[in-house]
Amino acid sequence: MQCERCKATVSAEDSYDYHGQTLCEDCYIYFLNPPKACDPMAVAGALTARKQQGQHGTDGLTELQKKIYGSSRKRRK
C-alpha cells in the first residue's frame, strides 16, 4: 500500500484510514494533531529545556532554526 499524502510504502497493518485516505502513521498523526504556529505549552517546554541546558540565543539550534530565530527578532524591532 502507499500513503496518499507522502507516497511512502506501508504495509496494510501499518496503514490508517482517514476519511477514505490510506495514510502512514506519521501522516495520520499529522492530520489528527496538525502543527500550530503558536503553541504556548510547546514554547514553554522548549524555553525551560534550553534554560536547564544553559542555552541562550541561537545556542543548540539547527541552521533552519537559527534563520527563523533571526527573522523573528528582526520583526520585533
PDB file of N, CA and C in Angstrom:
ATOM      1  N   MET A   1       0.847  -1.177   0.000  1.00  0.00           N
ATOM      2  CA  MET A   1       0.000   0.000   0.000  1.00  0.00           C
ATOM      3  C   MET A   1       0.891   1.238   0.000  1.00  0.00           C
ATOM      4  N   GLN A   2       0.281   2.353  -0.382  1.00  0.00           N
ATOM      5  CA  GLN A   2       1.029   3.608  -0.438  1.00  0.00           C
ATOM      6  C   GLN A   2       0.249   4.695   0.295  1.00  0.00           C
ATOM      7  N   CYS A   3       0.976   5.469   1.109  1.00  0.00           N
ATOM      8  CA  CYS A   3       0.366   6.608   1.794  1.00  0.00           C
ATOM      9  C   CYS A   3      -0.040   7.634   0.739  1.00  0.00           C
ATOM     10  N   GLU A   4      -1.289   8.070   0.799  1.00  0.00           N
ATOM     11  CA  GLU A   4      -1.785   9.013  -0.203  1.00  0.00           C
ATOM     12  C   GLU A   4      -1.249  10.426  -0.002  1.00  0.00           C
ATOM     13  N   ARG A   5      -0.661  10.705   1.152  1.00  0.00           N
ATOM     14  CA  ARG A   5      -0.131  12.051   1.402  1.00  0.00           C
ATOM     15  C   ARG A   5       1.350  12.138   1.041  1.00  0.00           C
ATOM     16  N   CYS A   6       2.175  11.251   1.624  1.00  0.00           N
ATOM     17  CA  CYS A   6       3.624  11.341   1.407  1.00  0.00           C
ATOM     18  C   CYS A   6       4.156  10.315   0.411  1.00  0.00           C
ATOM     19  N   LYS A   7       3.290   9.415  -0.022  1.00  0.00           N
ATOM     20  CA  LYS A   7       3.626   8.384  -1.021  1.00  0.00           C
ATOM     21  C   LYS A   7       4.575   7.308  -0.495  1.00  0.00           C
ATOM     22  N   ALA A   8       4.746   7.217   0.820  1.00  0.00           N
ATOM     23  CA  ALA A   8       5.590   6.168   1.401  1.00  0.00           C
ATOM     24  C   ALA A   8       4.892   4.818   1.281  1.00  0.00           C
ATOM     25  N   THR A   9       5.673   3.767   1.138  1.00  0.00           N
ATOM     26  CA  THR A   9       5.122   2.422   1.090  1.00  0.00           C
ATOM     27  C   THR A   9       4.875   1.948   2.518  1.00  0.00           C
ATOM     28  N   VAL A  10       3.646   1.487   2.777  1.00  0.00           N
ATOM     29  CA  VAL A  10       3.284   0.988   4.111  1.00  0.00           C
ATOM     30  C   VAL A  10       2.554  -0.336   3.967  1.00  0.00           C
ATOM     31  N   SER A  11       2.734  -1.195   4.956  1.00  0.00           N
ATOM     32  CA  SER A  11       2.008  -2.464   4.947  1.00  0.00           C
ATOM     33  C   SER A  11       0.572  -2.215   5.387  1.00  0.00           C
ATOM     34  N   ALA A  12      -0.287  -3.143   5.091  1.00  0.00           N
ATOM     35  CA  ALA A  12      -1.709  -2.995   5.431  1.00  0.00           C
ATOM     36  C   ALA A  12      -1.904  -2.823   6.930  1.00  0.00           C
ATOM     37  N   GLU A  13      -1.137  -3.543   7.737  1.00  0.00           N
ATOM     38  CA  GLU A  13      -1.291  -3.440   9.193  1.00  0.00           C
ATOM     39  C   GLU A  13      -0.712  -2.141   9.771  1.00  0.00           C
ATOM     40  N   ASP A  14       0.145  -1.459   8.994  1.00  0.00           N
ATOM     41  CA  ASP A  14       0.725  -0.192   9.447  1.00  0.00           C
ATOM     42  C   ASP A  14       0.067   1.025   8.789  1.00  0.00           C
ATOM     43  N   SER A  15      -1.053   0.810   8.089  1.00  0.00           N
ATOM     44  CA  SER A  15      -1.731   1.924   7.437  1.00  0.00           C
ATOM     45  C   SER A  15      -2.980   2.317   8.229  1.00  0.00           C
ATOM     46  N   TYR A  16      -3.410   3.532   8.002  1.00  0.00           N
ATOM     47  CA  TYR A  16      -4.582   4.070   8.699  1.00  0.00           C
ATOM     48  C   TYR A  16      -5.527   4.663   7.673  1.00  0.00           C
ATOM     49  N   ASP A  17      -6.824   4.545   7.934  1.00  0.00           N
ATOM     50  CA  ASP A  17      -7.827   5.144   7.070  1.00  0.00           C
ATOM     51  C   ASP A  17      -8.292   6.442   7.713  1.00  0.00           C
ATOM     52  N   TYR A  18      -8.164   7.526   6.976  1.00  0.00           N
ATOM     53  CA  TYR A  18      -8.614   8.822   7.463  1.00  0.00           C
ATOM     54  C   TYR A  18      -9.489   9.452   6.393  1.00  0.00           C
ATOM     55  N   HIS A  19     -10.782   9.453   6.625  1.00  0.00           N
ATOM     56  CA  HIS A  19     -11.762   9.994   5.673  1.00  0.00           C
ATOM     57  C   HIS A  19     -11.553   9.422   4.270  1.00  0.00           C
ATOM     58  N   GLY A  20     -11.353   8.111   4.206  1.00  0.00           N
ATOM     59  CA  GLY A  20     -11.215   7.437   2.919  1.00  0.00           C
ATOM     60  C   GLY A  20      -9.822   7.435   2.334  1.00  0.00           C
ATOM     61  N   GLN A  21      -8.873   8.081   2.998  1.00  0.00           N
ATOM     62  CA  GLN A  21      -7.490   8.112   2.523  1.00  0.00           C
ATOM     63  C   GLN A  21      -6.667   7.074   3.276  1.00  0.00           C
ATOM     64  N   THR A  22      -5.792   6.387   2.582  1.00  0.00           N
ATOM     65  CA  THR A  22      -4.857   5.467   3.210  1.00  0.00           C
ATOM     66  C   THR A  22      -3.617   6.255   3.575  1.00  0.00           C
ATOM     67  N   LEU A  23      -3.271   6.258   4.874  1.00  0.00           N
ATOM     68  CA  LEU A  23      -2.143   7.056   5.355  1.00  0.00           C
ATOM     69  C   LEU A  23      -1.162   6.221   6.161  1.00  0.00           C
ATOM     70  N   CYS A  24       0.108   6.652   6.155  1.00  0.00           N
ATOM     71  CA  CYS A  24       1.101   6.072   7.066  1.00  0.00           C
ATOM     72  C   CYS A  24       0.853   6.665   8.456  1.00  0.00           C
ATOM     73  N   GLU A  25       1.529   6.138   9.446  1.00  0.00           N
ATOM     74  CA  GLU A  25       1.311   6.605  10.820  1.00  0.00           C
ATOM     75  C   GLU A  25       1.663   8.083  10.982  1.00  0.00           C
ATOM     76  N   ASP A  26       2.777   8.531  10.407  1.00  0.00           N
ATOM     77  CA  ASP A  26       3.180   9.933  10.553  1.00  0.00           C
ATOM     78  C   ASP A  26       2.140  10.885   9.964  1.00  0.00           C
ATOM     79  N   CYS A  27       1.639  10.570   8.780  1.00  0.00           N
ATOM     80  CA  CYS A  27       0.645  11.439   8.145  1.00  0.00           C
ATOM     81  C   CYS A  27      -0.685  11.397   8.896  1.00  0.00           C
ATOM     82  N   TYR A  28      -1.031  10.234   9.422  1.00  0.00           N
ATOM     83  CA  TYR A  28      -2.265  10.100  10.204  1.00  0.00           C
ATOM     84  C   TYR A  28      -2.188  10.984  11.450  1.00  0.00           C
ATOM     85  N   ILE A  29      -1.065  10.934  12.131  1.00  0.00           N
ATOM     86  CA  ILE A  29      -0.873  11.761  13.331  1.00  0.00           C
ATOM     87  C   ILE A  29      -0.898  13.239  12.948  1.00  0.00           C
ATOM     88  N   TYR A  30      -0.300  13.585  11.809  1.00  0.00           N
ATOM     89  CA  TYR A  30      -0.299  14.972  11.334  1.00  0.00           C
ATOM     90  C   TYR A  30      -1.730  15.491  11.172  1.00  0.00           C
ATOM     91  N   PHE A  31      -2.598  14.669  10.568  1.00  0.00           N
ATOM     92  CA  PHE A  31      -3.983  15.098  10.358  1.00  0.00           C
ATOM     93  C   PHE A  31      -4.755  15.173  11.672  1.00  0.00           C
ATOM     94  N   LEU A  32      -4.469  14.278  12.615  1.00  0.00           N
ATOM     95  CA  LEU A  32      -5.168  14.305  13.897  1.00  0.00           C
ATOM     96  C   LEU A  32      -4.703  15.451  14.787  1.00  0.00           C
ATOM     97  N   ASN A  33      -3.437  15.790  14.694  1.00  0.00           N
ATOM     98  CA  ASN A  33      -2.872  16.829  15.545  1.00  0.00           C
ATOM     99  C   ASN A  33      -1.907  17.685  14.727  1.00  0.00           C
ATOM    100  N   PRO A  34      -2.430  18.536  13.838  1.00  0.00           N
ATOM    101  CA  PRO A  34      -1.546  19.326  12.976  1.00  0.00           C
ATOM    102  C   PRO A  34      -0.712  20.320  13.778  1.00  0.00           C
ATOM    103  N   PRO A  35       0.482  20.635  13.291  1.00  0.00           N
ATOM    104  CA  PRO A  35       1.311  21.614  13.986  1.00  0.00           C
ATOM    105  C   PRO A  35       0.620  22.974  14.015  1.00  0.00           C
ATOM    106  N   LYS A  36       0.870  23.696  15.073  1.00  0.00           N
ATOM    107  CA  LYS A  36       0.259  25.017  15.235  1.00  0.00           C
ATOM    108  C   LYS A  36       1.356  26.070  15.269  1.00  0.00           C
ATOM    109  N   ALA A  37       1.039  27.212  14.725  1.00  0.00           N
ATOM    110  CA  ALA A  37       2.030  28.287  14.673  1.00  0.00           C
ATOM    111  C   ALA A  37       2.417  28.769  16.062  1.00  0.00           C
ATOM    112  N   CYS A  38       1.482  28.790  16.967  1.00  0.00           N
ATOM    113  CA  CYS A  38       1.760  29.273  18.307  1.00  0.00           C
ATOM    114  C   CYS A  38       1.154  28.323  19.324  1.00  0.00           C
ATOM    115  N   ASP A  39       1.982  27.460  19.872  1.00  0.00           N
ATOM    116  CA  ASP A  39       1.544  26.502  20.873  1.00  0.00           C
ATOM    117  C   ASP A  39       2.220  26.885  22.194  1.00  0.00           C
ATOM    118  N   PRO A  40       1.509  27.572  23.096  1.00  0.00           N
ATOM    119  CA  PRO A  40       2.123  28.070  24.332  1.00  0.00           C
ATOM    120  C   PRO A  40       2.804  26.986  25.171  1.00  0.00           C
ATOM    121  N   MET A  41       2.231  25.800  25.214  1.00  0.00           N
ATOM    122  CA  MET A  41       2.851  24.730  26.009  1.00  0.00           C
ATOM    123  C   MET A  41       4.166  24.271  25.384  1.00  0.00           C
ATOM    124  N   ALA A  42       4.210  24.182  24.055  1.00  0.00           N
ATOM    125  CA  ALA A  42       5.443  23.789  23.377  1.00  0.00           C
ATOM    126  C   ALA A  42       6.524  24.846  23.570  1.00  0.00           C
ATOM    127  N   VAL A  43       6.144  26.101  23.468  1.00  0.00           N
ATOM    128  CA  VAL A  43       7.097  27.190  23.661  1.00  0.00           C
ATOM    129  C   VAL A  43       7.640  27.172  25.091  1.00  0.00           C
ATOM    130  N   ALA A  44       6.755  27.020  26.068  1.00  0.00           N
ATOM    131  CA  ALA A  44       7.180  26.985  27.470  1.00  0.00           C
ATOM    132  C   ALA A  44       8.115  25.809  27.719  1.00  0.00           C
ATOM    133  N   GLY A  45       7.776  24.655  27.163  1.00  0.00           N
ATOM    134  CA  GLY A  45       8.623  23.474  27.337  1.00  0.00           C
ATOM    135  C   GLY A  45       9.997  23.659  26.716  1.00  0.00           C
ATOM    136  N   ALA A  46      10.031  24.225  25.508  1.00  0.00           N
ATOM    137  CA  ALA A  46      11.307  24.456  24.830  1.00  0.00           C
ATOM    138  C   ALA A  46      12.156  25.469  25.587  1.00  0.00           C
ATOM    139  N   LEU A  47      11.542  26.531  26.070  1.00  0.00           N
ATOM    140  CA  LEU A  47      12.289  27.544  26.818  1.00  0.00           C
ATOM    141  C   LEU A  47      12.851  26.978  28.113  1.00  0.00           C
ATOM    142  N   THR A  48      12.060  26.170  28.799  1.00  0.00           N
ATOM    143  CA  THR A  48      12.514  25.549  30.049  1.00  0.00           C
ATOM    144  C   THR A  48      13.691  24.611  29.784  1.00  0.00           C
ATOM    145  N   ALA A  49      13.575  23.786  28.743  1.00  0.00           N
ATOM    146  CA  ALA A  49      14.657  22.850  28.410  1.00  0.00           C
ATOM    147  C   ALA A  49      15.936  23.591  28.053  1.00  0.00           C
ATOM    148  N   ARG A  50      15.814  24.670  27.264  1.00  0.00           N
ATOM    149  CA  ARG A  50      17.000  25.445  26.892  1.00  0.00           C
ATOM    150  C   ARG A  50      17.639  26.097  28.117  1.00  0.00           C
ATOM    151  N   LYS A  51      16.808  26.600  29.012  1.00  0.00           N
ATOM    152  CA  LYS A  51      17.323  27.236  30.225  1.00  0.00           C
ATOM    153  C   LYS A  51      18.068  26.219  31.094  1.00  0.00           C
ATOM    154  N   GLN A  52      17.508  25.026  31.224  1.00  0.00           N
ATOM    155  CA  GLN A  52      18.141  23.976  32.025  1.00  0.00           C
ATOM    156  C   GLN A  52      19.480  23.554  31.435  1.00  0.00           C
ATOM    157  N   GLN A  53      19.598  23.651  30.093  1.00  0.00           N
ATOM    158  CA  GLN A  53      20.840  23.272  29.425  1.00  0.00           C
ATOM    159  C   GLN A  53      21.822  24.436  29.308  1.00  0.00           C
ATOM    160  N   GLY A  54      21.430  25.589  29.834  1.00  0.00           N
ATOM    161  CA  GLY A  54      22.303  26.757  29.800  1.00  0.00           C
ATOM    162  C   GLY A  54      22.426  27.379  28.427  1.00  0.00           C
ATOM    163  N   GLN A  55      21.428  27.177  27.565  1.00  0.00           N
ATOM    164  CA  GLN A  55      21.486  27.708  26.207  1.00  0.00           C
ATOM    165  C   GLN A  55      20.828  29.082  26.140  1.00  0.00           C
ATOM    166  N   HIS A  56      21.443  29.956  25.339  1.00  0.00           N
ATOM    167  CA  HIS A  56      20.930  31.311  25.141  1.00  0.00           C
ATOM    168  C   HIS A  56      21.010  31.646  23.665  1.00  0.00           C
ATOM    169  N   GLY A  57      20.135  32.525  23.183  1.00  0.00           N
ATOM    170  CA  GLY A  57      20.175  32.942  21.789  1.00  0.00           C
ATOM    171  C   GLY A  57      20.052  31.768  20.850  1.00  0.00           C
ATOM    172  N   THR A  58      21.036  31.587  19.974  1.00  0.00           N
ATOM    173  CA  THR A  58      20.988  30.520  18.980  1.00  0.00           C
ATOM    174  C   THR A  58      21.766  29.270  19.386  1.00  0.00           C
ATOM    175  N   ASP A  59      22.236  29.200  20.623  1.00  0.00           N
ATOM    176  CA  ASP A  59      22.959  28.009  21.091  1.00  0.00           C
ATOM    177  C   ASP A  59      22.096  26.761  20.904  1.00  0.00           C
ATOM    178  N   GLY A  60      22.637  25.724  20.296  1.00  0.00           N
ATOM    179  CA  GLY A  60      21.949  24.445  20.172  1.00  0.00           C
ATOM    180  C   GLY A  60      20.871  24.380  19.104  1.00  0.00           C
ATOM    181  N   LEU A  61      20.711  25.438  18.297  1.00  0.00           N
ATOM    182  CA  LEU A  61      19.685  25.429  17.252  1.00  0.00           C
ATOM    183  C   LEU A  61      20.256  24.915  15.935  1.00  0.00           C
ATOM    184  N   THR A  62      19.382  24.331  15.101  1.00  0.00           N
ATOM    185  CA  THR A  62      19.793  23.930  13.756  1.00  0.00           C
ATOM    186  C   THR A  62      19.914  25.189  12.906  1.00  0.00           C
ATOM    187  N   GLU A  63      20.485  25.047  11.711  1.00  0.00           N
ATOM    188  CA  GLU A  63      20.631  26.202  10.819  1.00  0.00           C
ATOM    189  C   GLU A  63      19.271  26.799  10.470  1.00  0.00           C
ATOM    190  N   LEU A  64      18.270  25.955  10.205  1.00  0.00           N
ATOM    191  CA  LEU A  64      16.932  26.452   9.891  1.00  0.00           C
ATOM    192  C   LEU A  64      16.339  27.193  11.082  1.00  0.00           C
ATOM    193  N   GLN A  65      16.518  26.642  12.281  1.00  0.00           N
ATOM    194  CA  GLN A  65      16.004  27.299  13.483  1.00  0.00           C
ATOM    195  C   GLN A  65      16.688  28.647  13.698  1.00  0.00           C
ATOM    196  N   LYS A  66      17.973  28.726  13.394  1.00  0.00           N
ATOM    197  CA  LYS A  66      18.701  29.990  13.535  1.00  0.00           C
ATOM    198  C   LYS A  66      18.141  31.046  12.585  1.00  0.00           C
ATOM    199  N   LYS A  67      17.804  30.640  11.344  1.00  0.00           N
ATOM    200  CA  LYS A  67      17.218  31.581  10.390  1.00  0.00           C
ATOM    201  C   LYS A  67      15.870  32.082  10.892  1.00  0.00           C
ATOM    202  N   ILE A  68      15.049  31.175  11.392  1.00  0.00           N
ATOM    203  CA  ILE A  68      13.736  31.552  11.911  1.00  0.00           C
ATOM    204  C   ILE A  68      13.892  32.479  13.105  1.00  0.00           C
ATOM    205  N   TYR A  69      14.800  32.139  14.004  1.00  0.00           N
ATOM    206  CA  TYR A  69      15.054  32.958  15.184  1.00  0.00           C
ATOM    207  C   TYR A  69      15.499  34.357  14.774  1.00  0.00           C
ATOM    208  N   GLY A  70      16.410  34.427  13.809  1.00  0.00           N
ATOM    209  CA  GLY A  70      16.919  35.721  13.350  1.00  0.00           C
ATOM    210  C   GLY A  70      15.840  36.566  12.701  1.00  0.00           C
ATOM    211  N   SER A  71      14.990  35.955  11.888  1.00  0.00           N
ATOM    212  CA  SER A  71      13.946  36.731  11.215  1.00  0.00           C
ATOM    213  C   SER A  71      12.868  37.182  12.191  1.00  0.00           C
ATOM    214  N   SER A  72      12.580  36.390  13.202  1.00  0.00           N
ATOM    215  CA  SER A  72      11.559  36.799  14.175  1.00  0.00           C
ATOM    216  C   SER A  72      12.081  37.934  15.053  1.00  0.00           C
ATOM    217  N   ARG A  73      13.367  37.952  15.335  1.00  0.00           N
ATOM    218  CA  ARG A  73      13.938  39.031  16.152  1.00  0.00           C
ATOM    219  C   ARG A  73      13.950  40.338  15.364  1.00  0.00           C
ATOM    220  N   LYS A  74      14.168  40.273  14.047  1.00  0.00           N
ATOM    221  CA  LYS A  74      14.163  41.481  13.213  1.00  0.00           C
ATOM    222  C   LYS A  74      12.787  42.105  13.177  1.00  0.00           C
ATOM    223  N   ARG A  75      11.730  41.254  13.118  1.00  0.00           N
ATOM    224  CA  ARG A  75      10.363  41.782  13.056  1.00  0.00           C
ATOM    225  C   ARG A  75       9.959  42.468  14.343  1.00  0.00           C
ATOM    226  N   ARG A  76      10.513  42.042  15.473  1.00  0.00           N
ATOM    227  CA  ARG A  76      10.149  42.629  16.770  1.00  0.00           C
ATOM    228  C   ARG A  76      10.742  44.011  16.967  1.00  0.00           C
ATOM    229  N   LYS A  77      11.802  44.322  16.242  1.00  0.00           N
ATOM    230  CA  LYS A  77      12.496  45.616  16.450  1.00  0.00           C
ATOM    231  C   LYS A  77      11.786  46.736  15.748  1.00  0.00           C
TER     232      LYS A  77
END
